């Protein structure tokens, strides 16, 4: 990574650690309300993300969790709610001041939550491009509003590192800005604006392809929400740029021979005369019962030209139960 760029990023988050800035990133989802979970006020103010990476269905069985870019520690605390054993959640950051502030917040959280022990979380200094983690040792890895900061080569390396440390069928949970409008070069290359998670956004299809190119065989697009507007009134652009936040789960499944399974919230409904429709490729549609399908299956079913199968468009909200 370019030293000047890294220096800018560190300066932004050093300041954010020393002087919490609630508006630094605009979290677009409500904070999880869980029984007997109390979040310290400063930790909440330091929630520097654009969504959530904490999903209970990923966290059954007391998993080992890696979280890169610790922020104020809120998601570390939330992950430890589901994984209550010493060292089960590893938090990495390159900014010393952020690690220190996060540690302070976690110690306060221990006073507020009878169930929580600080040793559930292993705070370490570490770089997303060179993870100090062994191969295939992590069940769930996550990052929130960090990878959009990286330029192309560094993004590929960060994703490859996450893939390396995950166990087979492990899950990488990501929350990042995306943008379908091409980002002007002057904004894209503005180091401070990238560090603020404003101008490193990729188109969603490009983001997904970066994940599948690394080798993730299953991709779930779990949410897509409005995030920011970059307008000519406030930024050096001649047109309005609409930025959304996206929540994605990339699963380290084997890559299918016919390509990855990407779920973007499409559904198939069979409404013919028979009780069910079997496409002889592993997909059985019960009469008039919606079935979540990956985009690949949606295209294959649509290509059959049947008048008794309805395929919805992508909602970009997928919550499991799909065809694959």
Protein backbone atom coordinates (compact mmCIF):
# COMPACT_ATOMS: atom_id res chain seq x y z
CA UNK A 1 0.00 0.00 0.00
CA UNK A 2 1.20 3.55 -0.79
CA UNK A 3 2.83 4.98 2.37
CA UNK A 4 1.21 8.41 1.99
CA UNK A 5 -2.20 6.80 1.54
CA UNK A 6 -1.69 4.57 4.58
CA UNK A 7 -0.57 7.59 6.59
CA UNK A 8 -3.74 9.48 5.67
CA UNK A 9 -5.94 6.55 6.68
CA UNK A 10 -4.14 6.15 9.99
CA UNK A 11 -4.43 9.87 10.71
CA UNK A 12 -8.19 9.81 10.09
CA UNK A 13 -8.77 6.87 12.42
CA UNK A 14 -6.27 8.03 15.03
CA UNK A 15 -8.33 11.23 15.31
CA UNK A 16 -11.55 9.18 15.34
CA UNK A 17 -10.17 7.11 18.24
CA UNK A 18 -9.03 10.11 20.28
CA UNK A 19 -12.13 12.21 19.52
CA UNK A 20 -15.13 10.00 18.71
CA UNK A 21 -17.05 11.26 15.67
CA UNK A 22 -20.54 9.82 15.55
CA UNK A 23 -21.10 10.99 11.97
CA UNK A 24 -17.83 9.60 10.55
CA UNK A 25 -19.69 6.70 8.96
CA UNK A 26 -23.45 6.58 8.67
CA UNK A 27 -24.68 3.28 10.08
CA UNK A 28 -27.83 2.43 8.15
CA UNK A 29 -29.19 -0.41 10.28
CA UNK A 30 -30.52 -0.32 13.85
CA UNK A 31 -28.14 -1.52 16.53
CA UNK A 32 -28.93 -5.09 17.58
CA UNK A 33 -31.11 -5.18 20.69
CA UNK A 34 -30.22 -8.45 22.41
CA UNK A 35 -31.26 -9.67 25.88
CA UNK A 36 -28.78 -8.63 28.59
CA UNK A 37 -26.58 -6.76 26.11
CA UNK A 38 -25.68 -3.20 27.14
CA UNK A 39 -23.47 -1.10 24.86
CA UNK A 40 -21.37 1.69 26.42
CA UNK A 41 -22.18 5.19 25.17
CA UNK A 42 -18.67 5.85 23.81
CA UNK A 43 -18.62 2.46 22.07
CA UNK A 44 -21.88 3.33 20.35
CA UNK A 45 -20.53 6.74 19.28
CA UNK A 46 -17.53 4.96 17.73
CA UNK A 47 -19.65 2.64 15.60
CA UNK A 48 -17.76 3.48 12.41
CA UNK A 49 -19.54 1.24 9.92
CA UNK A 50 -22.13 1.37 7.14
CA UNK A 51 -24.26 -1.61 8.20
CA UNK A 52 -23.91 -4.68 10.39
CA UNK A 53 -21.81 -7.82 10.05
CA UNK A 54 -23.40 -9.59 13.04
CA UNK A 55 -26.01 -12.16 11.94
CA UNK A 56 -27.13 -14.80 14.47
CA UNK A 57 -27.52 -17.51 11.83
CA UNK A 58 -23.77 -17.30 11.10
CA UNK A 59 -22.84 -17.67 14.75
CA UNK A 60 -24.24 -21.00 15.96
CA UNK A 61 -21.87 -23.43 17.64
CA UNK A 62 -19.54 -21.02 19.44
CA UNK A 63 -17.46 -20.17 16.35
CA UNK A 64 -14.01 -18.63 16.11
CA UNK A 65 -14.43 -15.08 14.77
CA UNK A 66 -12.00 -12.64 13.16
CA UNK A 67 -12.96 -8.97 12.92
CA UNK A 68 -10.65 -6.60 11.01
CA UNK A 69 -10.81 -2.88 11.78
CA UNK A 70 -12.05 -2.84 15.38
CA UNK A 71 -13.56 0.64 15.63
CA UNK A 72 -15.03 1.20 19.07
CA UNK A 73 -15.53 -2.52 19.65
CA UNK A 74 -19.30 -2.73 19.30
CA UNK A 75 -19.33 -5.58 16.80
CA UNK A 76 -16.60 -7.37 18.76
CA UNK A 77 -18.91 -7.22 21.79
CA UNK A 78 -21.85 -8.42 19.70
CA UNK A 79 -19.85 -11.32 18.26
CA UNK A 80 -18.74 -12.35 21.76
CA UNK A 81 -22.40 -12.47 22.81
CA UNK A 82 -22.64 -15.58 20.62
CA UNK A 83 -19.14 -16.96 21.30
CA UNK A 84 -18.42 -16.83 25.03
CA UNK A 85 -15.00 -18.37 25.49
CA UNK A 86 -11.52 -16.96 25.96
CA UNK A 87 -9.97 -15.74 22.72
CA UNK A 88 -12.93 -16.80 20.57
CA UNK A 89 -13.14 -13.36 18.91
CA UNK A 90 -9.97 -11.83 17.43
CA UNK A 91 -9.98 -8.09 16.74
CA UNK A 92 -7.27 -6.61 14.49
CA UNK A 93 -6.37 -3.00 13.73
CA UNK A 94 -3.32 -1.10 12.45
CA UNK A 95 -4.02 2.05 14.50
CA UNK A 96 -2.58 1.92 18.02
CA UNK A 97 -4.95 4.59 19.33
CA UNK A 98 -7.98 2.69 18.02
CA UNK A 99 -6.85 -0.52 19.72
CA UNK A 100 -6.37 1.39 22.98
CA UNK A 101 -9.77 3.10 22.78
CA UNK A 102 -11.46 -0.17 21.87
CA UNK A 103 -9.84 -1.88 24.86
CA UNK A 104 -11.11 0.85 27.17
CA UNK A 105 -14.63 0.45 25.76
CA UNK A 106 -14.53 -3.33 26.23
CA UNK A 107 -13.47 -2.94 29.85
CA UNK A 108 -16.44 -0.63 30.40
CA UNK A 109 -18.68 -3.18 28.67
CA UNK A 110 -17.49 -5.79 31.15
CA UNK A 111 -18.84 -3.62 33.98
CA UNK A 112 -22.21 -3.27 32.23
CA UNK A 113 -22.70 -6.90 31.14
CA UNK A 114 -22.55 -9.68 33.74
CA UNK A 115 -22.10 -12.35 31.03
CA UNK A 116 -19.17 -10.62 29.26
CA UNK A 117 -15.48 -11.15 30.00
CA UNK A 118 -12.80 -9.07 28.28
CA UNK A 119 -10.76 -12.20 27.63
CA UNK A 120 -13.44 -13.39 25.20
CA UNK A 121 -11.78 -10.92 22.80
CA UNK A 122 -8.16 -11.07 21.66
CA UNK A 123 -7.19 -7.55 20.56
CA UNK A 124 -4.12 -7.48 18.33
CA UNK A 125 -2.27 -5.07 16.08
CA UNK A 126 -2.52 -6.45 12.58
CA UNK A 127 -2.80 -5.48 8.93
CA UNK A 128 -5.64 -6.68 6.69
CA UNK A 129 -3.07 -7.25 3.92
CA UNK A 130 -0.92 -9.54 6.08
CA UNK A 131 -3.21 -11.21 8.57
CA UNK A 132 -1.29 -12.67 11.55
CA UNK A 133 -3.62 -15.67 11.52
CA UNK A 134 -3.01 -19.30 10.55
CA UNK A 135 -4.49 -20.94 7.46
CA UNK A 136 -8.01 -22.37 7.77
CA UNK A 137 -8.44 -21.50 11.45
CA UNK A 138 -11.41 -19.10 11.42
CA UNK A 139 -15.13 -19.91 11.16
CA UNK A 140 -16.43 -16.37 10.60
CA UNK A 141 -14.41 -13.37 9.38
CA UNK A 142 -15.85 -9.87 9.08
CA UNK A 143 -15.07 -6.30 8.13
CA UNK A 144 -17.29 -3.23 8.16
CA UNK A 145 -16.64 -0.27 5.87
CA UNK A 146 -12.92 -1.03 5.56
CA UNK A 147 -12.26 -2.82 2.28
CA UNK A 148 -13.74 0.02 0.19
CA UNK A 149 -10.75 2.07 1.34
CA UNK A 150 -8.35 -0.21 -0.57
CA UNK A 151 -7.37 0.28 -4.20
CA UNK A 152 -7.62 -2.70 -6.59
CA UNK A 153 -4.43 -4.63 -5.82
CA UNK A 154 -4.74 -4.16 -2.06
CA UNK A 155 -8.42 -5.15 -2.15
CA UNK A 156 -7.54 -8.38 -3.94
CA UNK A 157 -4.87 -9.12 -1.35
CA UNK A 158 -7.18 -8.35 1.59
CA UNK A 159 -9.86 -10.67 0.19
CA UNK A 160 -7.31 -13.40 -0.50
CA UNK A 161 -6.05 -13.14 3.09
CA UNK A 162 -9.59 -13.54 4.44
CA UNK A 163 -10.12 -16.55 2.17
CA UNK A 164 -6.84 -18.08 3.37
CA UNK A 165 -7.65 -17.93 7.09
CA UNK A 166 -11.22 -19.26 6.75
CA UNK A 167 -11.99 -22.92 7.31
CA UNK A 168 -13.79 -24.79 4.50
CA UNK A 169 -17.38 -23.49 4.38
CA UNK A 170 -16.31 -20.56 6.57
CA UNK A 171 -18.08 -17.22 6.13
CA UNK A 172 -16.75 -13.78 5.26
CA UNK A 173 -19.24 -11.09 6.27
CA UNK A 174 -18.77 -7.69 4.65
CA UNK A 175 -20.46 -4.32 4.83
CA UNK A 176 -19.27 -1.67 2.39
CA UNK A 177 -20.52 1.20 0.21
CA UNK A 178 -21.33 0.42 -3.43
CA UNK A 179 -22.12 2.77 -6.30
CA UNK A 180 -23.45 2.09 -9.80
CA UNK A 181 -22.38 5.52 -11.07
CA UNK A 182 -18.72 5.63 -12.13
CA UNK A 183 -16.72 7.48 -9.49
CA UNK A 184 -14.77 10.43 -10.99
CA UNK A 185 -11.02 9.83 -10.88
CA UNK A 186 -10.39 12.95 -8.79
CA UNK A 187 -12.73 11.66 -6.07
CA UNK A 188 -11.63 8.05 -6.40
CA UNK A 189 -8.00 9.04 -5.86
CA UNK A 190 -8.65 11.52 -3.04
CA UNK A 191 -6.91 9.80 -0.13
CA UNK A 192 -8.92 11.45 2.62
CA UNK A 193 -12.31 10.87 0.96
CA UNK A 194 -11.44 7.18 0.49
CA UNK A 195 -10.37 6.94 4.12
CA UNK A 196 -13.77 8.40 5.06
CA UNK A 197 -15.50 5.58 3.12
CA UNK A 198 -16.99 7.93 0.53
CA UNK A 199 -15.27 7.44 -2.82
CA UNK A 200 -13.90 3.90 -2.93
CA UNK A 201 -17.29 2.37 -3.68
CA UNK A 202 -17.44 -0.22 -6.50
CA UNK A 203 -20.47 -1.32 -8.53
CA UNK A 204 -22.14 -4.26 -6.79
CA UNK A 205 -21.51 -6.67 -9.68
CA UNK A 206 -17.81 -5.76 -9.63
CA UNK A 207 -17.67 -6.23 -5.86
CA UNK A 208 -19.25 -9.68 -6.16
CA UNK A 209 -16.89 -10.66 -8.99
CA UNK A 210 -13.89 -9.72 -6.84
CA UNK A 211 -15.16 -12.23 -4.26
CA UNK A 212 -15.85 -15.03 -6.71
CA UNK A 213 -12.51 -14.47 -8.47
CA UNK A 214 -10.81 -15.18 -5.12
CA UNK A 215 -12.68 -18.51 -4.98
CA UNK A 216 -15.81 -18.00 -2.85
CA UNK A 217 -18.40 -20.39 -4.31
CA UNK A 218 -21.51 -18.93 -2.65
CA UNK A 219 -22.39 -15.26 -2.29
CA UNK A 220 -25.39 -13.91 -0.36
CA UNK A 221 -26.44 -10.28 -0.81
CA UNK A 222 -28.29 -9.77 2.44
CA UNK A 223 -29.14 -6.08 2.31
CA UNK A 224 -28.71 -2.95 0.22
CA UNK A 225 -29.70 0.44 1.58
CA UNK A 226 -29.25 4.15 0.79
CA UNK A 227 -26.02 5.49 2.28
CA UNK A 228 -24.78 8.87 1.01
CA UNK A 229 -25.18 11.46 -1.74
CA UNK A 230 -22.09 13.10 -3.22
CA UNK A 231 -23.42 16.28 -4.81
CA UNK A 232 -21.73 19.02 -6.86
CA UNK A 233 -22.59 21.43 -4.04
CA UNK A 234 -20.16 19.70 -1.68
CA UNK A 235 -17.80 17.58 -3.80
CA UNK A 236 -15.76 18.06 -6.98
CA UNK A 237 -18.22 16.30 -9.27
CA UNK A 238 -20.46 17.58 -12.07
CA UNK A 239 -23.30 15.18 -11.24
CA UNK A 240 -25.04 13.70 -8.22
CA UNK A 241 -23.57 10.35 -7.12
CA UNK A 242 -25.84 8.01 -5.15
CA UNK A 243 -23.98 5.63 -2.83
CA UNK A 244 -25.61 2.62 -1.14
CA UNK A 245 -24.40 0.32 1.62
CA UNK A 246 -24.44 -3.42 1.04
CA UNK A 247 -24.19 -6.38 3.39
CA UNK A 248 -22.74 -9.54 1.84
CA UNK A 249 -21.83 -13.01 3.07
CA UNK A 250 -19.19 -14.82 0.99
CA UNK A 251 -18.99 -18.53 1.82
CA UNK A 252 -15.84 -20.60 1.24
CA UNK A 253 -17.77 -23.33 -0.57
CA UNK A 254 -16.25 -25.26 -3.47
CA UNK A 255 -16.76 -23.43 -6.76
CA UNK A 256 -19.51 -25.20 -8.77
CA UNK A 257 -18.54 -26.35 -12.26
CA UNK A 258 -21.09 -23.97 -13.79
CA UNK A 259 -19.99 -20.97 -11.73
CA UNK A 260 -20.74 -19.45 -8.33
CA UNK A 261 -24.14 -19.36 -6.67
CA UNK A 262 -24.97 -15.68 -6.12
CA UNK A 263 -28.15 -14.88 -4.19
CA UNK A 264 -29.52 -11.38 -4.74
CA UNK A 265 -33.04 -11.96 -3.44
CA UNK A 266 -34.68 -13.55 -6.48
CA UNK A 267 -37.59 -15.96 -5.97
CA UNK A 268 -39.21 -18.60 -8.18
CA UNK A 269 -42.89 -19.56 -7.85
CA UNK A 270 -44.37 -22.52 -9.72
CA UNK A 271 -48.15 -22.23 -10.23
CA UNK A 272 -48.88 -25.07 -12.67
CA UNK A 273 -51.36 -27.94 -12.35
CA UNK A 274 -49.00 -30.50 -10.78
CA UNK A 275 -48.07 -30.59 -7.11
CA UNK A 276 -44.49 -29.69 -7.89
CA UNK A 277 -42.02 -28.95 -10.69
CA UNK A 278 -38.63 -30.70 -10.78
CA UNK A 279 -36.08 -29.22 -13.19
CA UNK A 280 -33.94 -32.41 -12.90
CA UNK A 281 -31.03 -30.26 -11.77
CA UNK A 282 -31.68 -30.39 -8.04
CA UNK A 283 -34.40 -27.75 -7.84
CA UNK A 284 -37.89 -28.84 -6.81
CA UNK A 285 -40.59 -26.16 -6.75
CA UNK A 286 -43.71 -26.95 -4.74
CA UNK A 287 -46.91 -25.59 -6.25
CA UNK A 288 -47.43 -21.94 -5.32
CA UNK A 289 -44.67 -21.94 -2.68
CA UNK A 290 -41.96 -19.31 -3.17
CA UNK A 291 -38.40 -20.64 -3.38
CA UNK A 292 -35.39 -18.36 -3.05
CA UNK A 293 -33.09 -19.05 -5.99
CA UNK A 294 -29.61 -17.93 -6.92
CA UNK A 295 -29.26 -15.75 -9.99
CA UNK A 296 -27.83 -18.67 -11.97
CA UNK A 297 -30.89 -20.85 -11.25
CA UNK A 298 -33.24 -17.93 -11.95
CA UNK A 299 -31.70 -17.54 -15.41
CA UNK A 300 -31.92 -21.28 -16.10
CA UNK A 301 -35.59 -21.46 -15.06
CA UNK A 302 -36.46 -18.38 -17.11
CA UNK A 303 -34.75 -19.93 -20.13
CA UNK A 304 -37.22 -22.84 -20.01
CA UNK A 305 -39.87 -20.46 -21.30
CA UNK A 306 -42.58 -21.95 -19.09
CA UNK A 307 -45.73 -19.91 -18.51
CA UNK A 308 -46.30 -21.46 -15.07
CA UNK A 309 -43.11 -20.31 -13.34
CA UNK A 310 -42.77 -16.74 -12.16
CA UNK A 311 -39.30 -15.34 -11.44
CA UNK A 312 -39.08 -12.16 -9.39
CA UNK A 313 -36.41 -9.54 -9.81
CA UNK A 314 -33.55 -9.06 -7.35
CA UNK A 315 -34.58 -7.49 -4.06
CA UNK A 316 -31.00 -7.49 -2.70
CA UNK A 317 -32.38 -8.80 0.58
CA UNK A 318 -31.65 -12.48 1.05
CA UNK A 319 -32.08 -14.33 4.34
CA UNK A 320 -31.32 -17.96 3.56
CA UNK A 321 -33.43 -20.92 2.59
CA UNK A 322 -32.31 -20.87 -1.02
CA UNK A 323 -32.10 -23.46 -3.73
CA UNK A 324 -28.41 -24.38 -3.42
